[in-house]
Amino acid sequence: MKLGRALGFWDVYAIALGQVIGSGIMVLVGIGIELTAYAIPLAFLVSAGLSLLKQWPIAFLGSAMPATGGLYVYCKRVLGPGLGFFYLALLLITHILIALFALGFAQYALALVPGLPARGVAVGILALFFFVNLFGVRVAALLQRVMIVVLVLGLTVLVAFGWGAVNPAPFQDPAQLFPQGAYGFALACVILSFATGGAQFISELGGEMANPERDLPRAMLGATLTAALLFTLVSVVAVGVLPLEQTAGQSLAKVAEAILPAPLYLAFIVGAGLFALATSINATFSWATKAVLIACEDGWLPRSLAVVHPRFGTPHRLLLGLFLLGATPIALGWELRYLIMIGGGLVFIYDTLPLLAAFLLPRRLPEVFARARMRLSARRLQAVSVLALLVVLGQAALSFSDVDGVGWALVGAYLLLVAGYVRWRGRTMISIKVAA
């Protein structure tokens, strides 16, 4: 398996920014307003700060041992093959969220052209980005850069038109900042972490970057900082122009309709609404197959899946699998609620393993730690990793506080299934090696 090193800094930065500035800002801002009202700009800043704290150890790992399938490889090399695949299996189930991105895209498309078949549009946008990524990560990255420019421009226009209409008074009234108290604010920060996080997944592209030791940390942390600034400005406009009852629980499109002239509103829906979801879909196709490719070569999954197209240099079978994972439940009209519940709960579980790998790196792989491009002492790396682990555990507790009994049962069943498979397959792989 050989993937070309075609990605420069701006390619990786655009993919990271597309992963962060995705559907979250268009959808989650209304939920955040519902939970913490006029404190939502502060909630975005806190959430972004926590995301940066969690990404710092991951960025260090990327500068020390960049690789295709980065996060899986980090866990495998530091924690062992079994825990490495355990991490990957938890990550894989969350890729069902690509179906939600596609359905969200279809809803915005229907707002522009009523009468379109929603499922057909959703499957169609998945098919489009399947083919884009089939032709190579370079093609996908170039398209991502174009979409990101349009997306950022759309959000900037919203801020520019809305800033002068913001009513500053509620932001100075403590009673209107935290209507549900500390719990509501903390829960808002957890939910908004799905908007401010995600840049760490460019670690999966380490083997396709021209200079990953330098570019991976810069792109990861830089994209999160860029998104944090933009989200904070957008959230001030989102909550500060219209009465609270008109924005709580609503998408950003509601505010845009009130602020922007009709032609600009139409351009906003296309450039920000559609492209926010499109960049998330494209970014997921760009990175989601990389760790699976390595896991196939390691023997955890059938090696026949790890085939790279001879002409385009892309894992076409795995890309097809990702397309089917998203398209099948859409086409069949499946209920996605509990799959989302599993994915949301597992996010904060699998987040712990790369952080644990970063904490143990100086002791278990001292030679790898010593050659990291990022300069960080062992003690400081471990301190940051511990802080990040505490943040993840706190977010997990808050996230699971909203999961019902069925959700708990599904999460537990999936964890047991993965643990059983890791144990069985691990023994099988040892037996094959001994026989050889």
Protein backbone atom coordinates (compact mmCIF):
# COMPACT_ATOMS: atom_id res chain seq x y z
CA MET A 1 0.00 0.00 0.00
CA LYS A 2 1.50 3.29 -1.11
CA LEU A 3 -0.20 6.68 -0.91
CA GLY A 4 1.38 9.75 -2.48
CA ARG A 5 2.61 12.72 -0.42
CA ALA A 6 0.56 15.32 -2.28
CA LEU A 7 -0.76 17.56 0.51
CA GLY A 8 0.80 20.89 1.47
CA PHE A 9 -0.03 23.06 4.48
CA TRP A 10 -2.95 24.94 2.90
CA ASP A 11 -4.51 21.70 1.65
CA VAL A 12 -4.41 20.18 5.14
CA TYR A 13 -5.52 23.43 6.78
CA ALA A 14 -8.56 23.58 4.46
CA ILE A 15 -9.50 19.97 5.24
CA ALA A 16 -9.14 20.65 8.98
CA LEU A 17 -11.13 23.88 8.77
CA GLY A 18 -13.82 22.12 6.73
CA GLN A 19 -14.06 19.44 9.41
CA VAL A 20 -14.47 22.09 12.12
CA ILE A 21 -16.60 24.68 10.28
CA GLY A 22 -19.17 22.15 9.25
CA SER A 23 -22.75 21.63 10.18
CA GLY A 24 -22.09 22.57 13.81
CA ILE A 25 -22.22 26.34 13.46
CA MET A 26 -25.33 26.17 11.27
CA VAL A 27 -27.29 23.88 13.60
CA LEU A 28 -25.78 23.83 17.10
CA VAL A 29 -25.74 27.58 17.68
CA GLY A 30 -29.52 27.53 18.25
CA ILE A 31 -29.23 24.69 20.76
CA GLY A 32 -26.47 26.57 22.56
CA ILE A 33 -28.67 29.68 22.77
CA GLU A 34 -31.44 27.52 24.24
CA LEU A 35 -29.11 26.34 27.02
CA THR A 36 -27.17 29.47 27.89
CA ALA A 37 -28.80 32.42 26.09
CA TYR A 38 -26.53 35.46 25.76
CA ALA A 39 -23.52 33.62 27.20
CA ILE A 40 -23.17 31.62 23.99
CA PRO A 41 -20.13 33.61 22.72
CA LEU A 42 -18.38 32.76 25.99
CA ALA A 43 -19.50 29.13 25.63
CA PHE A 44 -17.92 29.00 22.16
CA LEU A 45 -14.66 30.45 23.51
CA VAL A 46 -14.56 27.98 26.42
CA SER A 47 -15.43 25.07 24.13
CA ALA A 48 -12.71 26.06 21.67
CA GLY A 49 -10.19 26.39 24.50
CA LEU A 50 -11.04 22.89 25.70
CA SER A 51 -10.78 21.56 22.14
CA LEU A 52 -7.32 23.12 21.80
CA LEU A 53 -6.27 21.57 25.11
CA LYS A 54 -7.36 18.13 23.87
CA GLN A 55 -5.66 18.63 20.49
CA TRP A 56 -2.31 19.79 21.87
CA PRO A 57 -1.09 16.28 22.85
CA ILE A 58 -2.44 14.90 19.55
CA ALA A 59 -0.56 17.57 17.61
CA PHE A 60 2.60 16.54 19.47
CA LEU A 61 2.06 12.90 18.50
CA GLY A 62 1.61 13.99 14.89
CA SER A 63 4.86 15.91 14.93
CA ALA A 64 6.68 12.91 16.45
CA MET A 65 5.36 10.04 14.31
CA PRO A 66 3.13 11.21 11.44
CA ALA A 67 1.49 8.34 9.63
CA THR A 68 -1.42 7.36 7.43
CA GLY A 69 -4.21 6.48 9.87
CA GLY A 70 -2.47 8.63 12.48
CA LEU A 71 -4.67 8.30 15.57
CA TYR A 72 -4.97 4.53 15.17
CA VAL A 73 -1.22 4.24 14.61
CA TYR A 74 -0.43 6.37 17.67
CA CYS A 75 -2.60 4.14 19.89
CA LYS A 76 -1.24 0.96 18.32
CA ARG A 77 2.40 1.90 18.74
CA VAL A 78 2.15 3.24 22.28
CA LEU A 79 -0.72 1.28 23.84
CA GLY A 80 -0.49 -1.95 21.84
CA PRO A 81 -2.29 -3.43 18.82
CA GLY A 82 -5.42 -4.50 20.71
CA LEU A 83 -6.16 -1.09 22.20
CA GLY A 84 -5.27 0.49 18.88
CA PHE A 85 -7.97 -1.46 17.07
CA PHE A 86 -10.38 -0.95 19.99
CA TYR A 87 -9.98 2.80 19.43
CA LEU A 88 -10.58 2.42 15.70
CA ALA A 89 -13.70 0.29 16.19
CA LEU A 90 -15.21 2.95 18.46
CA LEU A 91 -14.41 5.61 15.88
CA LEU A 92 -15.90 3.63 12.99
CA ILE A 93 -19.46 3.57 14.33
CA THR A 94 -19.51 7.38 14.50
CA HIS A 95 -19.04 7.58 10.71
CA ILE A 96 -22.79 6.99 10.49
CA LEU A 97 -23.01 10.75 11.13
CA ILE A 98 -22.09 11.29 7.49
CA ALA A 99 -25.71 10.33 6.79
CA LEU A 100 -26.84 13.23 8.97
CA PHE A 101 -24.60 15.65 7.09
CA ALA A 102 -26.14 14.45 3.82
CA LEU A 103 -29.72 14.75 5.13
CA GLY A 104 -28.92 18.24 6.44
CA PHE A 105 -27.60 19.18 3.01
CA ALA A 106 -30.85 17.91 1.48
CA GLN A 107 -32.94 20.07 3.85
CA TYR A 108 -31.09 23.23 2.80
CA ALA A 109 -31.46 22.20 -0.85
CA LEU A 110 -35.21 21.78 -0.33
CA ALA A 111 -35.38 25.30 1.12
CA LEU A 112 -34.02 26.55 -2.20
CA VAL A 113 -35.91 24.18 -4.51
CA PRO A 114 -39.07 22.85 -2.83
CA GLY A 115 -40.24 19.50 -4.12
CA LEU A 116 -36.84 17.89 -4.51
CA PRO A 117 -36.67 14.27 -3.26
CA ALA A 118 -34.82 14.65 0.06
CA ARG A 119 -33.42 11.11 0.15
CA GLY A 120 -32.32 11.31 -3.46
CA VAL A 121 -30.48 14.58 -2.84
CA ALA A 122 -28.82 13.16 0.30
CA VAL A 123 -27.60 10.01 -1.46
CA GLY A 124 -26.58 12.11 -4.46
CA ILE A 125 -24.31 14.41 -2.43
CA LEU A 126 -22.65 11.36 -0.85
CA ALA A 127 -22.11 9.90 -4.32
CA LEU A 128 -20.60 13.18 -5.55
CA PHE A 129 -17.95 13.27 -2.83
CA PHE A 130 -17.32 9.54 -3.14
CA PHE A 131 -16.28 10.16 -6.76
CA VAL A 132 -14.35 13.33 -5.90
CA ASN A 133 -12.27 11.40 -3.35
CA LEU A 134 -11.98 8.40 -5.65
CA PHE A 135 -9.96 10.58 -8.04
CA GLY A 136 -7.43 11.36 -5.32
CA VAL A 137 -6.95 13.30 -2.11
CA ARG A 138 -5.37 16.17 -4.05
CA VAL A 139 -8.58 16.72 -6.05
CA ALA A 140 -10.65 16.56 -2.84
CA ALA A 141 -8.30 19.03 -1.12
CA LEU A 142 -8.50 21.54 -3.99
CA LEU A 143 -12.30 21.43 -3.94
CA GLN A 144 -12.23 21.78 -0.15
CA ARG A 145 -10.15 24.95 -0.40
CA VAL A 146 -12.67 26.53 -2.78
CA MET A 147 -15.65 25.58 -0.60
CA ILE A 148 -13.94 26.83 2.56
CA VAL A 149 -13.30 30.25 1.01
CA VAL A 150 -16.98 30.55 0.04
CA LEU A 151 -18.12 29.27 3.44
CA VAL A 152 -15.95 31.68 5.44
CA LEU A 153 -17.00 34.54 3.16
CA GLY A 154 -20.67 33.72 3.78
CA LEU A 155 -20.26 33.72 7.57
CA THR A 156 -18.21 36.94 7.38
CA VAL A 157 -20.98 38.67 5.39
CA LEU A 158 -23.49 37.63 8.08
CA VAL A 159 -21.29 39.18 10.79
CA ALA A 160 -20.69 42.34 8.75
CA PHE A 161 -24.40 42.95 8.11
CA GLY A 162 -25.55 41.96 11.58
CA TRP A 163 -22.94 43.51 13.86
CA GLY A 164 -24.45 46.99 13.81
CA ALA A 165 -27.89 45.63 14.69
CA VAL A 166 -26.73 43.75 17.81
CA ASN A 167 -28.38 44.92 21.03
CA PRO A 168 -25.55 45.05 23.64
CA ALA A 169 -27.79 45.38 26.73
CA PRO A 170 -28.59 41.67 27.32
CA PHE A 171 -24.89 40.78 27.21
CA GLN A 172 -24.38 43.03 30.26
CA ASP A 173 -27.24 41.53 32.30
CA PRO A 174 -26.07 38.53 34.41
CA ALA A 175 -29.66 37.26 34.66
CA GLN A 176 -29.79 36.77 30.88
CA LEU A 177 -26.36 35.19 30.54
CA PHE A 178 -26.94 31.94 32.41
CA PRO A 179 -30.71 31.21 32.49
CA GLN A 180 -30.10 27.52 33.32
CA GLY A 181 -27.18 28.15 35.63
CA ALA A 182 -23.77 26.52 35.57
CA TYR A 183 -25.18 23.17 34.39
CA GLY A 184 -26.79 24.74 31.31
CA PHE A 185 -23.60 26.60 30.47
CA ALA A 186 -21.45 23.47 30.94
CA LEU A 187 -23.83 21.38 28.82
CA ALA A 188 -23.72 24.07 26.11
CA CYS A 189 -19.90 23.88 26.13
CA VAL A 190 -20.10 20.09 25.70
CA ILE A 191 -22.56 20.33 22.80
CA LEU A 192 -20.57 23.11 21.14
CA SER A 193 -17.44 20.95 21.35
CA PHE A 194 -18.93 19.07 18.38
CA ALA A 195 -18.67 22.39 16.50
CA THR A 196 -15.21 23.46 17.70
CA GLY A 197 -13.58 20.01 17.64
CA GLY A 198 -12.63 17.72 14.78
CA ALA A 199 -9.37 19.19 13.49
CA GLN A 200 -7.40 16.36 15.12
CA PHE A 201 -8.66 13.96 12.44
CA ILE A 202 -6.24 15.40 9.90
CA SER A 203 -3.76 13.16 11.77
CA GLU A 204 -5.17 10.39 9.56
CA LEU A 205 -3.56 12.08 6.54
CA GLY A 206 -0.02 12.17 7.95
CA GLY A 207 1.28 9.76 5.33
CA GLU A 208 -0.02 11.96 2.51
CA MET A 209 1.49 15.25 3.66
CA ALA A 210 4.65 16.63 2.11
CA ASN A 211 5.94 17.91 5.48
CA PRO A 212 3.71 16.41 8.20
CA GLU A 213 6.05 17.00 11.17
CA ARG A 214 5.70 20.76 10.59
CA ASP A 215 2.32 21.14 8.88
CA LEU A 216 0.14 18.75 10.88
CA PRO A 217 0.35 20.59 14.25
CA ARG A 218 0.12 24.01 12.60
CA ALA A 219 -2.94 23.08 10.53
CA MET A 220 -4.69 21.33 13.42
CA LEU A 221 -4.30 24.09 15.99
CA GLY A 222 -4.54 26.92 13.44
CA ALA A 223 -7.85 25.68 12.03
CA THR A 224 -9.35 25.41 15.52
CA LEU A 225 -8.24 28.94 16.41
CA THR A 226 -9.64 30.33 13.14
CA ALA A 227 -12.96 28.58 13.70
CA ALA A 228 -13.12 29.74 17.34
CA LEU A 229 -12.77 33.40 16.33
CA LEU A 230 -15.33 33.11 13.54
CA PHE A 231 -17.82 31.14 15.69
CA THR A 232 -17.61 33.69 18.51
CA LEU A 233 -18.34 36.60 16.16
CA VAL A 234 -21.18 34.72 14.44
CA SER A 235 -22.73 33.73 17.80
CA VAL A 236 -22.86 37.39 18.94
CA VAL A 237 -24.93 38.21 15.86
CA ALA A 238 -26.97 35.00 16.15
CA VAL A 239 -28.21 35.83 19.66
CA GLY A 240 -27.98 39.62 19.67
CA VAL A 241 -30.17 40.76 16.79
CA LEU A 242 -33.52 38.98 17.20
CA PRO A 243 -35.49 38.35 20.41
CA LEU A 244 -34.30 35.26 22.26
CA GLU A 245 -37.51 33.31 21.64
CA GLN A 246 -36.92 33.59 17.89
CA THR A 247 -33.35 32.24 17.96
CA ALA A 248 -33.36 29.60 20.71
CA GLY A 249 -33.34 26.16 19.13
CA GLN A 250 -33.28 27.62 15.60
CA SER A 251 -30.68 27.27 12.86
CA LEU A 252 -28.49 30.14 11.71
CA ALA A 253 -30.67 30.46 8.61
CA LYS A 254 -33.39 32.09 10.75
CA VAL A 255 -31.06 34.95 11.72
CA ALA A 256 -29.65 35.27 8.21
CA GLU A 257 -33.15 35.67 6.78
CA ALA A 258 -33.81 38.59 9.14
CA ILE A 259 -30.47 40.33 8.53
CA LEU A 260 -29.52 39.85 4.90
CA PRO A 261 -31.12 41.26 1.74
CA ALA A 262 -32.90 38.60 -0.32
CA PRO A 263 -30.09 38.04 -2.87
CA LEU A 264 -27.46 37.79 -0.12
CA TYR A 265 -29.70 35.50 1.91
CA LEU A 266 -29.95 33.15 -1.06
CA ALA A 267 -26.16 33.28 -1.48
CA PHE A 268 -25.75 32.62 2.27
CA ILE A 269 -27.92 29.51 2.16
CA VAL A 270 -25.87 28.17 -0.74
CA GLY A 271 -22.44 29.33 0.37
CA ALA A 272 -22.77 28.77 4.12
CA GLY A 273 -25.66 26.33 4.57
CA LEU A 274 -24.93 23.91 1.77
CA PHE A 275 -21.16 24.30 1.82
CA ALA A 276 -20.93 23.88 5.61
CA LEU A 277 -22.41 20.41 5.24
CA ALA A 278 -20.57 19.68 1.99
CA THR A 279 -17.17 20.43 3.56
CA SER A 280 -17.97 18.06 6.44
CA ILE A 281 -18.89 15.29 4.00
CA ASN A 282 -15.81 15.88 1.85
CA ALA A 283 -13.48 16.02 4.87
CA THR A 284 -14.90 12.76 6.23
CA PHE A 285 -14.34 11.01 2.91
CA SER A 286 -10.80 12.43 2.86
CA TRP A 287 -9.63 10.99 6.19
CA ALA A 288 -12.06 8.33 7.43
CA THR A 289 -10.66 5.41 5.39
CA LYS A 290 -6.98 5.87 6.25
CA ALA A 291 -6.86 4.13 9.62
CA VAL A 292 -9.05 1.30 8.32
CA LEU A 293 -6.55 0.82 5.49
CA ILE A 294 -3.74 0.31 8.01
CA ALA A 295 -5.90 -1.92 10.22
CA CYS A 296 -6.55 -4.17 7.21
CA GLU A 297 -2.83 -4.48 6.59
CA ASP A 298 -2.31 -5.25 10.28
CA GLY A 299 -4.72 -8.18 10.00
CA TRP A 300 -7.61 -6.87 12.08
CA LEU A 301 -9.87 -6.63 9.02
CA PRO A 302 -9.82 -8.48 5.66
CA ARG A 303 -6.77 -7.46 3.63
CA SER A 304 -8.86 -7.60 0.46
CA LEU A 305 -10.42 -4.29 1.55
CA ALA A 306 -7.02 -2.56 1.62
CA VAL A 307 -6.66 -2.22 -2.13
CA VAL A 308 -5.39 1.04 -3.57
CA HIS A 309 -6.60 1.98 -7.04
CA PRO A 310 -3.64 1.62 -9.46
CA ARG A 311 -4.47 4.80 -11.34
CA PHE A 312 -5.77 7.18 -8.67
CA GLY A 313 -3.88 5.85 -5.64
CA THR A 314 -7.03 5.83 -3.48
CA PRO A 315 -8.58 3.04 -1.32
CA HIS A 316 -11.61 2.66 -3.59
CA ARG A 317 -13.17 -0.30 -1.76
CA LEU A 318 -13.07 1.45 1.59
CA LEU A 319 -14.41 4.65 0.05
CA LEU A 320 -17.28 2.61 -1.38
CA GLY A 321 -17.87 1.11 2.07
CA LEU A 322 -18.06 4.58 3.61
CA PHE A 323 -20.49 5.68 0.91
CA LEU A 324 -22.70 2.65 1.60
CA LEU A 325 -22.52 3.25 5.37
CA GLY A 326 -24.06 6.68 4.84
CA ALA A 327 -26.32 5.96 1.88
CA THR A 328 -27.99 2.74 3.08
CA PRO A 329 -29.84 4.12 6.12
CA ILE A 330 -30.88 7.17 4.09
CA ALA A 331 -32.23 5.14 1.18
CA LEU A 332 -34.07 2.73 3.48
CA GLY A 333 -35.42 5.46 5.75
CA TRP A 334 -33.92 3.95 8.90
CA GLU A 335 -34.32 5.58 12.29
CA LEU A 336 -30.92 7.14 13.07
CA ARG A 337 -31.67 8.43 16.56
CA TYR A 338 -30.12 5.58 18.51
CA LEU A 339 -27.13 5.30 16.20
CA ILE A 340 -26.53 8.98 16.86
CA MET A 341 -26.90 8.31 20.58
CA ILE A 342 -24.27 5.58 20.41
CA GLY A 343 -21.94 7.78 18.38
CA GLY A 344 -22.35 10.76 20.69
CA GLY A 345 -21.60 8.65 23.75
CA LEU A 346 -18.62 6.88 22.23
CA VAL A 347 -16.94 10.11 21.08
CA PHE A 348 -15.77 10.91 24.60
CA ILE A 349 -14.70 7.31 25.23
CA TYR A 350 -12.44 6.97 22.21
CA ASP A 351 -11.04 10.47 22.81
CA THR A 352 -9.31 9.15 25.94
CA LEU A 353 -7.07 6.62 24.17
CA PRO A 354 -4.89 8.98 22.03
CA LEU A 355 -4.49 11.21 25.09
CA LEU A 356 -3.36 8.23 27.13
CA ALA A 357 -0.90 7.40 24.32
CA ALA A 358 0.49 10.93 24.48
CA PHE A 359 0.93 10.65 28.26
CA LEU A 360 2.85 7.34 27.93
CA LEU A 361 4.88 8.30 24.84
CA PRO A 362 8.01 9.63 26.64
CA ARG A 363 8.32 6.45 28.71
CA ARG A 364 7.37 3.81 26.15
CA LEU A 365 8.91 5.30 22.99
CA PRO A 366 11.60 7.73 24.18
CA GLU A 367 13.36 7.80 20.80
CA VAL A 368 10.12 8.83 19.05
CA PHE A 369 9.43 11.47 21.71
CA ALA A 370 12.93 12.92 21.24
CA ARG A 371 12.54 13.52 17.52
CA ALA A 372 9.22 15.40 17.69
CA ARG A 373 9.21 18.63 15.70
CA MET A 374 7.12 20.32 18.41
CA ARG A 375 9.26 21.21 21.40
CA LEU A 376 7.65 20.11 24.66
CA SER A 377 9.22 18.57 27.74
CA ALA A 378 8.05 15.15 28.88
CA ARG A 379 6.66 16.60 32.11
CA ARG A 380 4.70 19.31 30.28
CA LEU A 381 3.32 16.86 27.69
CA GLN A 382 2.14 14.58 30.49
CA ALA A 383 0.59 17.47 32.43
CA VAL A 384 -1.32 18.69 29.38
CA SER A 385 -2.44 15.11 28.61
CA VAL A 386 -3.78 14.68 32.16
CA LEU A 387 -5.68 17.97 31.96
CA ALA A 388 -7.12 16.96 28.59
CA LEU A 389 -8.16 13.56 29.97
CA LEU A 390 -9.96 15.28 32.85
CA VAL A 391 -11.76 17.53 30.36
CA VAL A 392 -12.84 14.52 28.28
CA LEU A 393 -14.09 12.66 31.36
CA GLY A 394 -16.07 15.71 32.45
CA GLN A 395 -17.57 16.10 28.98
CA ALA A 396 -18.41 12.39 28.92
CA ALA A 397 -20.24 12.64 32.24
CA LEU A 398 -22.30 15.59 31.01
CA SER A 399 -22.95 13.93 27.65
CA PHE A 400 -24.09 10.64 29.19
CA SER A 401 -26.36 12.51 31.61
CA ASP A 402 -28.67 13.04 28.62
CA VAL A 403 -28.64 9.40 27.40
CA ASP A 404 -31.63 7.18 28.20
CA GLY A 405 -31.66 3.50 29.17
CA VAL A 406 -31.85 2.25 25.58
CA GLY A 407 -28.87 4.41 24.65
CA TRP A 408 -26.87 3.03 27.58
CA ALA A 409 -27.75 -0.52 26.55
CA LEU A 410 -26.66 0.10 22.95
CA VAL A 411 -23.38 1.72 24.00
CA GLY A 412 -22.65 -1.12 26.42
CA ALA A 413 -23.53 -3.78 23.85
CA TYR A 414 -21.26 -2.23 21.24
CA LEU A 415 -18.36 -1.94 23.69
CA LEU A 416 -18.74 -5.61 24.65
CA LEU A 417 -18.97 -6.63 20.99
CA VAL A 418 -15.78 -4.73 20.11
CA ALA A 419 -13.93 -6.07 23.17
CA GLY A 420 -14.96 -9.62 22.26
CA TYR A 421 -13.83 -9.21 18.67
CA VAL A 422 -10.47 -7.73 19.70
CA ARG A 423 -9.87 -10.68 22.05
CA TRP A 424 -10.89 -13.29 19.44
CA ARG A 425 -9.09 -11.71 16.50
CA GLY A 426 -5.99 -11.03 18.55
CA ARG A 427 -5.70 -14.72 19.42
CA THR A 428 -6.32 -15.69 15.78
CA MET A 429 -3.59 -13.36 14.56
CA ILE A 430 -1.11 -14.80 17.09
CA SER A 431 -1.98 -18.34 15.98
CA ILE A 432 -1.41 -17.44 12.33
CA LYS A 433 1.98 -15.89 13.12
CA VAL A 434 3.04 -18.93 15.17
CA ALA A 435 1.97 -21.32 12.38
CA ALA A 436 3.90 -19.28 9.83
